[in-house]
Structures are given as structure tokens and as C-alpha cells.
C-alpha atoms as a PDB file:
ATOM      1  CA  MET A   1      88.875  89.812  51.947  1.00  0.00           C
ATOM      2  CA  SER A   2      92.624  90.106  52.532  1.00  0.00           C
ATOM      3  CA  SER A   3      94.324  88.218  55.337  1.00  0.00           C
ATOM      4  CA  PHE A   4      96.425  89.741  58.093  1.00  0.00           C
ATOM      5  CA  ALA A   5      98.449  88.647  61.118  1.00  0.00           C
ATOM      6  CA  VAL A   6      97.661  88.927  64.820  1.00  0.00           C
ATOM      7  CA  THR A   7     100.161  88.424  67.614  1.00  0.00           C
ATOM      8  CA  TRP A   8      98.381  86.986  70.652  1.00  0.00           C
ATOM      9  CA  ILE A   9      99.990  87.141  74.083  1.00  0.00           C
ATOM     10  CA  VAL A  10      98.837  84.668  76.726  1.00  0.00           C
ATOM     11  CA  GLY A  11     100.052  83.509  80.130  1.00  0.00           C
ATOM     12  CA  GLY A  12      99.826  84.551  83.754  1.00  0.00           C
ATOM     13  CA  HIS A  13      96.254  83.278  84.126  1.00  0.00           C
ATOM     14  CA  PRO A  14      94.881  79.773  83.488  1.00  0.00           C
ATOM     15  CA  TYR A  15      92.601  79.241  80.487  1.00  0.00           C
ATOM     16  CA  ASP A  16      91.330  76.453  78.250  1.00  0.00           C
ATOM     17  CA  GLU A  17      94.073  76.388  75.633  1.00  0.00           C
ATOM     18  CA  ILE A  18      92.336  73.911  73.321  1.00  0.00           C
ATOM     19  CA  ALA A  19      89.043  75.827  73.181  1.00  0.00           C
ATOM     20  CA  PHE A  20      90.907  79.109  72.784  1.00  0.00           C
ATOM     21  CA  GLN A  21      92.987  77.762  69.893  1.00  0.00           C
ATOM     22  CA  ASP A  22      89.865  76.341  68.258  1.00  0.00           C
ATOM     23  CA  MET A  23      88.376  79.826  68.322  1.00  0.00           C
ATOM     24  CA  LEU A  24      91.503  81.325  66.771  1.00  0.00           C
ATOM     25  CA  ASN A  25      91.452  78.652  64.063  1.00  0.00           C
ATOM     26  CA  SER A  26      87.863  79.603  63.232  1.00  0.00           C
ATOM     27  CA  LEU A  27      88.788  83.212  62.379  1.00  0.00           C
ATOM     28  CA  SER A  28      88.752  83.364  58.591  1.00  0.00           C
ATOM     29  CA  GLY A  29      91.550  85.403  57.051  1.00  0.00           C
ATOM     30  CA  VAL A  30      93.358  85.871  60.363  1.00  0.00           C
ATOM     31  CA  LYS A  31      96.811  84.368  60.912  1.00  0.00           C
ATOM     32  CA  SER A  32      97.208  84.005  64.670  1.00  0.00           C
ATOM     33  CA  ASP A  33     100.623  83.628  66.304  1.00  0.00           C
ATOM     34  CA  VAL A  34     100.528  82.930  70.040  1.00  0.00           C
ATOM     35  CA  LEU A  35     103.305  83.915  72.452  1.00  0.00           C
ATOM     36  CA  LYS A  36     103.168  82.873  76.095  1.00  0.00           C
ATOM     37  CA  TRP A  37     104.907  84.524  79.017  1.00  0.00           C
ATOM     38  CA  PRO A  38     107.787  84.414  79.815  1.00  0.00           C
ATOM     39  CA  ASP A  39     108.655  83.879  76.126  1.00  0.00           C
ATOM     40  CA  ALA A  40     106.411  86.844  75.252  1.00  0.00           C
ATOM     41  CA  GLU A  41     108.971  89.153  76.827  1.00  0.00           C
ATOM     42  CA  GLU A  42     110.964  88.903  73.591  1.00  0.00           C
ATOM     43  CA  LEU A  43     108.275  91.014  71.936  1.00  0.00           C
ATOM     44  CA  PHE A  44     108.856  93.935  74.277  1.00  0.00           C
ATOM     45  CA  THR A  45     111.887  95.564  72.771  1.00  0.00           C
ATOM     46  CA  VAL A  46     111.740  98.658  70.611  1.00  0.00           C
ATOM     47  CA  ASP A  47     113.212  96.721  67.681  1.00  0.00           C
ATOM     48  CA  ALA A  48     110.564  93.987  67.988  1.00  0.00           C
ATOM     49  CA  ILE A  49     107.761  96.562  68.228  1.00  0.00           C
ATOM     50  CA  GLU A  50     109.009  98.373  65.134  1.00  0.00           C
ATOM     51  CA  LYS A  51     109.178  95.033  63.289  1.00  0.00           C
ATOM     52  CA  MET A  52     105.587  94.307  64.305  1.00  0.00           C
ATOM     53  CA  HIS A  53     104.595  97.685  62.907  1.00  0.00           C
ATOM     54  CA  ARG A  54     106.361  97.078  59.594  1.00  0.00           C
ATOM     55  CA  GLU A  55     104.601  93.707  59.302  1.00  0.00           C
ATOM     56  CA  GLY A  56     101.220  95.334  59.855  1.00  0.00           C
ATOM     57  CA  ARG A  57     100.284  93.195  62.832  1.00  0.00           C
ATOM     58  CA  VAL A  58      97.498  93.586  65.368  1.00  0.00           C
ATOM     59  CA  LEU A  59      98.407  92.938  69.018  1.00  0.00           C
ATOM     60  CA  ALA A  60      95.874  90.905  71.032  1.00  0.00           C
ATOM     61  CA  LEU A  61      96.235  90.524  74.799  1.00  0.00           C
ATOM     62  CA  TYR A  62      94.821  87.545  76.661  1.00  0.00           C
ATOM     63  CA  ASP A  63      97.513  87.615  79.329  1.00  0.00           C
ATOM     64  CA  LEU A  64      98.069  88.767  82.900  1.00  0.00           C
ATOM     65  CA  PRO A  65     101.608  90.046  83.492  1.00  0.00           C
ATOM     66  CA  GLY A  66     102.601  92.017  86.559  1.00  0.00           C
ATOM     67  CA  ILE A  67     101.123  89.757  89.237  1.00  0.00           C
ATOM     68  CA  ARG A  68     102.273  86.356  90.472  1.00  0.00           C
ATOM     69  CA  PHE A  69      99.744  84.307  92.384  1.00  0.00           C
ATOM     70  CA  ASN A  70     100.843  82.347  95.427  1.00  0.00           C
ATOM     71  CA  ARG A  71      98.219  79.761  96.316  1.00  0.00           C
ATOM     72  CA  GLY A  72      96.492  80.793  99.506  1.00  0.00           C
ATOM     73  CA  SER A  73      98.713  83.768 100.284  1.00  0.00           C
ATOM     74  CA  GLU A  74      99.577  87.296  99.230  1.00  0.00           C
ATOM     75  CA  PRO A  75     100.355  87.718  95.496  1.00  0.00           C
ATOM     76  CA  ASP A  76     103.594  89.271  94.301  1.00  0.00           C
ATOM     77  CA  LEU A  77     103.130  92.467  92.305  1.00  0.00           C
ATOM     78  CA  VAL A  78     105.789  92.944  89.637  1.00  0.00           C
ATOM     79  CA  ALA A  79     106.504  96.266  87.949  1.00  0.00           C
ATOM     80  CA  PRO A  80     107.226  96.286  84.209  1.00  0.00           C
ATOM     81  CA  SER A  81     110.862  96.781  83.275  1.00  0.00           C
ATOM     82  CA  PRO A  82     111.966 100.091  81.731  1.00  0.00           C
ATOM     83  CA  GLU A  83     112.320  98.232  78.417  1.00  0.00           C
ATOM     84  CA  ILE A  84     108.711  97.026  78.550  1.00  0.00           C
ATOM     85  CA  ILE A  85     107.493 100.531  79.383  1.00  0.00           C
ATOM     86  CA  GLU A  86     109.507 101.990  76.501  1.00  0.00           C
ATOM     87  CA  SER A  87     108.143  99.295  74.174  1.00  0.00           C
ATOM     88  CA  TRP A  88     104.579 100.226  75.075  1.00  0.00           C
ATOM     89  CA  ARG A  89     105.394 103.890  74.513  1.00  0.00           C
ATOM     90  CA  ARG A  90     106.788 103.100  71.076  1.00  0.00           C
ATOM     91  CA  MET A  91     103.846 100.817  70.254  1.00  0.00           C
ATOM     92  CA  THR A  92     101.268 103.531  70.848  1.00  0.00           C
ATOM     93  CA  GLN A  93     103.387 106.157  69.086  1.00  0.00           C
ATOM     94  CA  LEU A  94     103.462 103.947  65.993  1.00  0.00           C
ATOM     95  CA  GLY A  95      99.746 103.276  66.137  1.00  0.00           C
ATOM     96  CA  ILE A  96      99.832  99.485  66.486  1.00  0.00           C
ATOM     97  CA  PRO A  97      96.192  98.436  67.098  1.00  0.00           C
ATOM     98  CA  ILE A  98      95.449  96.674  70.385  1.00  0.00           C
ATOM     99  CA  LEU A  99      92.772  94.219  71.464  1.00  0.00           C
ATOM    100  CA  ALA A 100      92.649  93.387  75.176  1.00  0.00           C
ATOM    101  CA  MET A 101      90.397  90.601  76.425  1.00  0.00           C
ATOM    102  CA  HIS A 102      88.970  89.531  79.755  1.00  0.00           C
ATOM    103  CA  HIS A 103      91.655  89.215  82.472  1.00  0.00           C
ATOM    104  CA  ALA A 104      94.116  91.411  80.527  1.00  0.00           C
ATOM    105  CA  ILE A 105      92.498  94.400  82.254  1.00  0.00           C
ATOM    106  CA  ALA A 106      94.181  93.258  85.491  1.00  0.00           C
ATOM    107  CA  SER A 107      97.687  93.450  83.979  1.00  0.00           C
ATOM    108  CA  TRP A 108     100.553  95.528  85.374  1.00  0.00           C
ATOM    109  CA  PRO A 109      98.648  96.698  88.495  1.00  0.00           C
ATOM    110  CA  THR A 110     101.548  98.807  89.785  1.00  0.00           C
ATOM    111  CA  TRP A 111     101.912 100.721  86.497  1.00  0.00           C
ATOM    112  CA  PRO A 112      99.314 103.537  86.313  1.00  0.00           C
ATOM    113  CA  LEU A 113      99.710 104.047  82.572  1.00  0.00           C
ATOM    114  CA  PHE A 114      98.402 100.606  81.667  1.00  0.00           C
ATOM    115  CA  ALA A 115      94.995 101.447  83.151  1.00  0.00           C
ATOM    116  CA  GLU A 116      95.006 104.539  80.946  1.00  0.00           C
ATOM    117  CA  ILE A 117      95.774 102.466  77.840  1.00  0.00           C
ATOM    118  CA  LEU A 118      92.789 100.167  78.533  1.00  0.00           C
ATOM    119  CA  LYS A 119      90.587 102.741  80.342  1.00  0.00           C
ATOM    120  CA  GLY A 120      89.995 100.636  83.425  1.00  0.00           C
ATOM    121  CA  ARG A 121      91.536  98.129  85.801  1.00  0.00           C
ATOM    122  CA  PHE A 122      90.541  94.967  87.619  1.00  0.00           C
ATOM    123  CA  HIS A 123      92.136  94.989  91.066  1.00  0.00           C
ATOM    124  CA  TYR A 124      93.215  91.673  92.561  1.00  0.00           C
ATOM    125  CA  VAL A 125      94.358  93.621  95.617  1.00  0.00           C
ATOM    126  CA  PRO A 126      93.140  96.943  97.015  1.00  0.00           C
ATOM    127  CA  ALA A 127      94.858  99.796  95.178  1.00  0.00           C
ATOM    128  CA  LYS A 128      94.805 103.456  94.253  1.00  0.00           C
ATOM    129  CA  LEU A 129      93.681 104.472  90.767  1.00  0.00           C
ATOM    130  CA  ARG A 130      93.651 108.073  89.586  1.00  0.00           C
ATOM    131  CA  GLY A 131      94.060 109.198  93.164  1.00  0.00           C
ATOM    132  CA  GLN A 132      91.080 107.211  94.443  1.00  0.00           C
ATOM    133  CA  GLU A 133      91.373 104.287  96.835  1.00  0.00           C
ATOM    134  CA  TYR A 134      89.653 101.120  95.620  1.00  0.00           C
ATOM    135  CA  THR A 135      88.963  97.873  97.345  1.00  0.00           C
ATOM    136  CA  ASP A 136      89.748  94.743  95.368  1.00  0.00           C
ATOM    137  CA  SER A 137      87.484  94.064  92.398  1.00  0.00           C
ATOM    138  CA  GLY A 138      84.621  91.594  92.211  1.00  0.00           C
ATOM    139  CA  TRP A 139      84.068  88.564  90.000  1.00  0.00           C
ATOM    140  CA  ALA A 140      81.115  86.258  89.376  1.00  0.00           C
ATOM    141  CA  ASN A 141      81.217  83.035  87.368  1.00  0.00           C
ATOM    142  CA  PRO A 142      79.311  81.493  85.698  1.00  0.00           C
ATOM    143  CA  VAL A 143      76.703  84.158  85.010  1.00  0.00           C
ATOM    144  CA  HIS A 144      74.025  83.834  82.339  1.00  0.00           C
ATOM    145  CA  GLN A 145      74.058  87.302  80.821  1.00  0.00           C
ATOM    146  CA  VAL A 146      72.126  89.262  78.244  1.00  0.00           C
ATOM    147  CA  PHE A 147      74.315  91.660  76.286  1.00  0.00           C
ATOM    148  CA  ASP A 148      72.870  94.718  74.555  1.00  0.00           C
ATOM    149  CA  VAL A 149      74.556  96.127  71.463  1.00  0.00           C
ATOM    150  CA  LEU A 150      74.732  99.889  72.043  1.00  0.00           C
ATOM    151  CA  LEU A 151      76.224 100.956  68.731  1.00  0.00           C
ATOM    152  CA  PRO A 152      74.948  98.607  66.015  1.00  0.00           C
ATOM    153  CA  ALA A 153      76.301 100.819  63.222  1.00  0.00           C
ATOM    154  CA  HIS A 154      79.899 100.347  64.398  1.00  0.00           C
ATOM    155  CA  PRO A 155      81.846  97.763  62.335  1.00  0.00           C
ATOM    156  CA  ILE A 156      82.738  95.868  65.522  1.00  0.00           C
ATOM    157  CA  CYS A 157      79.019  95.238  66.105  1.00  0.00           C
ATOM    158  CA  GLU A 158      78.153  94.439  62.482  1.00  0.00           C
ATOM    159  CA  GLY A 159      76.065  91.286  62.142  1.00  0.00           C
ATOM    160  CA  LEU A 160      75.400  90.959  65.868  1.00  0.00           C
ATOM    161  CA  PRO A 161      71.795  90.786  67.059  1.00  0.00           C
ATOM    162  CA  LYS A 162      70.401  93.715  69.011  1.00  0.00           C
ATOM    163  CA  SER A 163      70.895  91.606  72.124  1.00  0.00           C
ATOM    164  CA  PHE A 164      72.376  88.162  72.688  1.00  0.00           C
ATOM    165  CA  GLU A 165      72.954  85.747  75.541  1.00  0.00           C
ATOM    166  CA  LEU A 166      76.206  84.366  76.891  1.00  0.00           C
ATOM    167  CA  THR A 167      77.152  82.492  80.038  1.00  0.00           C
ATOM    168  CA  ASP A 168      80.515  83.806  81.160  1.00  0.00           C
ATOM    169  CA  GLU A 169      82.436  85.413  84.004  1.00  0.00           C
ATOM    170  CA  THR A 170      81.689  89.048  84.735  1.00  0.00           C
ATOM    171  CA  TYR A 171      83.676  91.708  86.601  1.00  0.00           C
ATOM    172  CA  LEU A 172      82.928  94.548  88.994  1.00  0.00           C
ATOM    173  CA  CYS A 173      85.793  96.999  88.556  1.00  0.00           C
ATOM    174  CA  PRO A 174      86.441 100.663  87.710  1.00  0.00           C
ATOM    175  CA  ILE A 175      85.968 101.640  84.062  1.00  0.00           C
ATOM    176  CA  PHE A 176      86.455 105.139  82.666  1.00  0.00           C
ATOM    177  CA  GLU A 177      83.237 104.924  80.673  1.00  0.00           C
ATOM    178  CA  ASN A 178      83.051 108.646  79.893  1.00  0.00           C
ATOM    179  CA  GLU A 179      86.321 108.399  77.954  1.00  0.00           C
ATOM    180  CA  VAL A 180      85.416 105.561  75.574  1.00  0.00           C
ATOM    181  CA  THR A 181      83.031 104.698  72.761  1.00  0.00           C
ATOM    182  CA  ALA A 182      80.573 102.258  74.340  1.00  0.00           C
ATOM    183  CA  LEU A 183      79.815  99.201  72.197  1.00  0.00           C
ATOM    184  CA  ILE A 184      78.118  96.551  74.354  1.00  0.00           C
ATOM    185  CA  SER A 185      76.691  96.446  77.876  1.00  0.00           C
ATOM    186  CA  THR A 186      75.485  93.662  80.153  1.00  0.00           C
ATOM    187  CA  ARG A 187      72.163  93.474  81.945  1.00  0.00           C
ATOM    188  CA  SER A 188      73.690  91.472  84.793  1.00  0.00           C
ATOM    189  CA  SER A 189      73.614  93.048  88.239  1.00  0.00           C
ATOM    190  CA  ARG A 190      76.365  95.428  89.308  1.00  0.00           C
ATOM    191  CA  GLU A 191      75.451  95.080  92.979  1.00  0.00           C
ATOM    192  CA  SER A 192      78.334  94.043  95.205  1.00  0.00           C
ATOM    193  CA  SER A 193      76.263  91.274  96.793  1.00  0.00           C
ATOM    194  CA  GLN A 194      76.240  89.419  93.448  1.00  0.00           C
ATOM    195  CA  PHE A 195      80.060  89.260  93.275  1.00  0.00           C
ATOM    196  CA  SER A 196      82.932  87.675  95.149  1.00  0.00           C
ATOM    197  CA  SER A 197      86.094  89.370  96.385  1.00  0.00           C
ATOM    198  CA  ALA A 198      89.101  88.741  94.127  1.00  0.00           C
ATOM    199  CA  TYR A 199      91.527  89.330  96.986  1.00  0.00           C
ATOM    200  CA  ALA A 200      89.786  86.814  99.248  1.00  0.00           C
ATOM    201  CA  ALA A 201      89.632  84.257  96.425  1.00  0.00           C
ATOM    202  CA  ILE A 202      93.351  84.281  95.654  1.00  0.00           C
ATOM    203  CA  ARG A 203      94.215  84.072  99.364  1.00  0.00           C
ATOM    204  CA  ARG A 204      91.625  81.284  99.902  1.00  0.00           C
ATOM    205  CA  GLU A 205      89.976  83.304 102.671  1.00  0.00           C
ATOM    206  CA  ASP A 206      86.427  84.181 103.633  1.00  0.00           C
ATOM    207  CA  GLN A 207      85.515  87.559 102.164  1.00  0.00           C
ATOM    208  CA  GLY A 208      83.711  88.713 105.306  1.00  0.00           C
ATOM    209  CA  ASP A 209      81.913  92.040 104.794  1.00  0.00           C
ATOM    210  CA  TRP A 210      83.655  92.850 101.492  1.00  0.00           C
ATOM    211  CA  PHE A 211      81.843  95.574  99.575  1.00  0.00           C
ATOM    212  CA  HIS A 212      82.473  97.299  96.233  1.00  0.00           C
ATOM    213  CA  GLN A 213      80.666 100.288  94.826  1.00  0.00           C
ATOM    214  CA  GLU A 214      78.570  99.770  91.700  1.00  0.00           C
ATOM    215  CA  GLU A 215      80.455 100.203  88.450  1.00  0.00           C
ATOM    216  CA  SER A 216      79.772 100.508  84.742  1.00  0.00           C
ATOM    217  CA  ARG A 217      77.807  97.835  82.848  1.00  0.00           C
ATOM    218  CA  LEU A 218      80.044  98.212  79.804  1.00  0.00           C
ATOM    219  CA  VAL A 219      81.641  94.993  78.569  1.00  0.00           C
ATOM    220  CA  ALA A 220      83.002  96.213  75.215  1.00  0.00           C
ATOM    221  CA  TRP A 221      84.404  99.584  74.239  1.00  0.00           C
ATOM    222  CA  THR A 222      86.937 101.296  72.034  1.00  0.00           C
ATOM    223  CA  HIS A 223      89.004 104.447  72.209  1.00  0.00           C
ATOM    224  CA  LYS A 224      92.216 105.936  70.907  1.00  0.00           C
ATOM    225  CA  TYR A 225      95.379 105.982  72.992  1.00  0.00           C
ATOM    226  CA  GLU A 226      97.950 108.192  71.311  1.00  0.00           C
ATOM    227  CA  MET A 227      98.019 106.765  67.751  1.00  0.00           C
ATOM    228  CA  SER A 228      96.717 103.298  68.639  1.00  0.00           C
ATOM    229  CA  SER A 229      93.118 102.164  68.326  1.00  0.00           C
ATOM    230  CA  VAL A 230      92.304 100.111  71.427  1.00  0.00           C
ATOM    231  CA  VAL A 231      89.400  97.717  72.017  1.00  0.00           C
ATOM    232  CA  TYR A 232      88.599  95.983  75.287  1.00  0.00           C
ATOM    233  CA  LEU A 233      86.222  93.014  75.433  1.00  0.00           C
ATOM    234  CA  GLN A 234      85.365  91.840  78.961  1.00  0.00           C
ATOM    235  CA  PRO A 235      83.802  88.449  78.075  1.00  0.00           C
ATOM    236  CA  GLY A 236      86.079  85.515  77.318  1.00  0.00           C
ATOM    237  CA  ASP A 237      86.623  83.296  80.343  1.00  0.00           C
ATOM    238  CA  GLY A 238      86.373  79.907  78.661  1.00  0.00           C
ATOM    239  CA  PRO A 239      84.705  77.494  76.225  1.00  0.00           C
ATOM    240  CA  LEU A 240      81.167  78.808  76.721  1.00  0.00           C
ATOM    241  CA  ALA A 241      82.386  82.082  75.215  1.00  0.00           C
ATOM    242  CA  PHE A 242      84.940  80.681  72.761  1.00  0.00           C
ATOM    243  CA  THR A 243      82.353  78.422  71.095  1.00  0.00           C
ATOM    244  CA  ASN A 244      79.545  80.993  71.037  1.00  0.00           C
ATOM    245  CA  GLU A 245      78.779  82.144  67.479  1.00  0.00           C
ATOM    246  CA  HIS A 246      78.103  85.740  68.516  1.00  0.00           C
ATOM    247  CA  TYR A 247      81.281  85.933  70.552  1.00  0.00           C
ATOM    248  CA  ARG A 248      83.324  84.581  67.650  1.00  0.00           C
ATOM    249  CA  LYS A 249      81.688  87.152  65.385  1.00  0.00           C
ATOM    250  CA  LEU A 250      82.601  89.868  67.874  1.00  0.00           C
ATOM    251  CA  ILE A 251      86.253  88.771  67.959  1.00  0.00           C
ATOM    252  CA  SER A 252      86.446  88.537  64.161  1.00  0.00           C
ATOM    253  CA  ASN A 253      84.809  91.930  63.650  1.00  0.00           C
ATOM    254  CA  THR A 254      87.120  93.520  66.210  1.00  0.00           C
ATOM    255  CA  LEU A 255      90.308  92.172  64.658  1.00  0.00           C
ATOM    256  CA  TYR A 256      89.269  93.174  61.129  1.00  0.00           C
ATOM    257  CA  TRP A 257      88.316  96.655  62.293  1.00  0.00           C
ATOM    258  CA  LEU A 258      91.575  97.100  64.186  1.00  0.00           C
ATOM    259  CA  ASN A 259      93.538  95.932  61.167  1.00  0.00           C
ATOM    260  CA  ASN A 260      91.791  98.588  59.077  1.00  0.00           C
ATOM    261  CA  GLU A 261      92.472 101.204  61.752  1.00  0.00           C
ATOM    262  CA  ARG A 262      96.202 100.563  62.050  1.00  0.00           C
ATOM    263  CA  VAL A 263      98.600 103.340  61.185  1.00  0.00           C
ATOM    264  CA  LEU A 264     100.773 102.486  58.199  1.00  0.00           C
ATOM    265  CA  PRO A 265     104.508 103.312  58.304  1.00  0.00           C
ATOM    266  CA  ASN A 266     104.117 106.105  55.735  1.00  0.00           C
ATOM    267  CA  GLU A 267     101.166 107.677  57.574  1.00  0.00           C
ATOM    268  CA  ARG A 268     103.008 108.781  60.684  1.00  0.00           C
END
């Protein structure tokens, strides 16, 4: 089994760095390089993206750019620079494979295209998505969940049991489930009453009569955006996930599959 390199981007959201790094170290055959915002901004130039492509790297997102939290008050929403937008355009044109995990689905909330790249968005503040007004998204943690593997023949699901258990954070947010290949779903409730308001949490306020419509139970999916294969995995809040054997298998399978799916320079 040949080895390959993954560039991980972190920052913008707290996480257990030791447990996360232990998980990365457990991935056989995977060389993981971790960049943290704001240093990660150096990756988002066209030259750096083209270098990543030549090196045959996979990009893995465990970050949350585009929103700055202010304890107990309104967050600042930050639009991506034109250079970052152009870098993403070039990345997907070249077919660099992309893994996005957990809170990465909340990234760049003012940039509509990012929700299209991941096929969903977690809203920390009420927002419009595809012309529809959404209240802020819901979160629940910790939740003991049962996950069902929907596509066991897919290489990402290889070696996973038909269903497995994991205690982790779960989200209630819009997902474009009809536009993706569904891999794994959760049996945990999608009823608003089982979740807390993200907007109220970051402002340290009572959520009052907050309500969110029911959303998809999908927690893992894949699709193609332009030339890039994209995978989103919703689980991954902390050590209970990072140390779970099935979760580690899922991450390893995903990275190996994405590496095999990447577009080589002479294939464009």
C-alpha cells in the first residue's frame, strides 16, 4: 500500500489537539501536515494550490474560517478574499480531492459557493441559503448515536459494520441530500426539541422558543464538485470520536479513496 500526503487545515474552532494528532498518527501510510489559521492562509494562492496538485496531496478541512466568535455577543462574519475564492476555483478545476469534517460545514457563511462545494451549511446565525431563509442551526452534544452504513459496497464504508455506535455531537442543518451519494446516516432524532440554538449559545443567551425544521439524517456523503471528489463527515467533535476504531477506519478509508480519486496533472 503506497503512502501519500494530506494537508490538514485547522483553526477557528476549539478542539482537542492531542487526541486529534493521535488519530492522525494512527493513519497507516498517510503523511499528515497540519496548517492552522491564520498561517493556513499561505495555502490559498493559485501557485500554492498548483503545487499541492503536483505533489498529489489530499486537502482535509477541520477548520472554521469566515466567522469570528465574540464571547457573549454577535459574531463577526468575514468574507473570503478574492485570492481565496480564486484558489478554491483553481483547486476544484484541478481536481484536488477534499475531505471536510464536522464544523468545517459552517465555514465561510457569507460565501454561497462554499455551501455548494460541501452540499450543506451549518448556520451559526440566521441566513439565506439558495433563496430560502433559515434560522440558525441546531447542535446537541454529547449524543449516543447509532450510525447505519447505507452503501456498504463503497470503498469509504469498507470494513465498517452494518451499524455502529458513537457518542459525539450532532447537527441540525440544511443538507442537499438529493445531490449527493449517501454513505452513512444517524438514528438520532432530528426534532428541533432535541437540539440547542447555535446563535443563542454563542451569544450566551436563552434560546426562548427557537425552532428549526427537521433536516436530513445523513452524516457522511460524497459527490463531485467540478473535477474534485468531495467527502463530508459530520462526526468528529472530540476524543470519543478520534479514539473510536470505526471512526478511525472511516477516516482512513476516506483519505485512501480520495487519494485514488484525485485527478493527475496529465489527466486534465
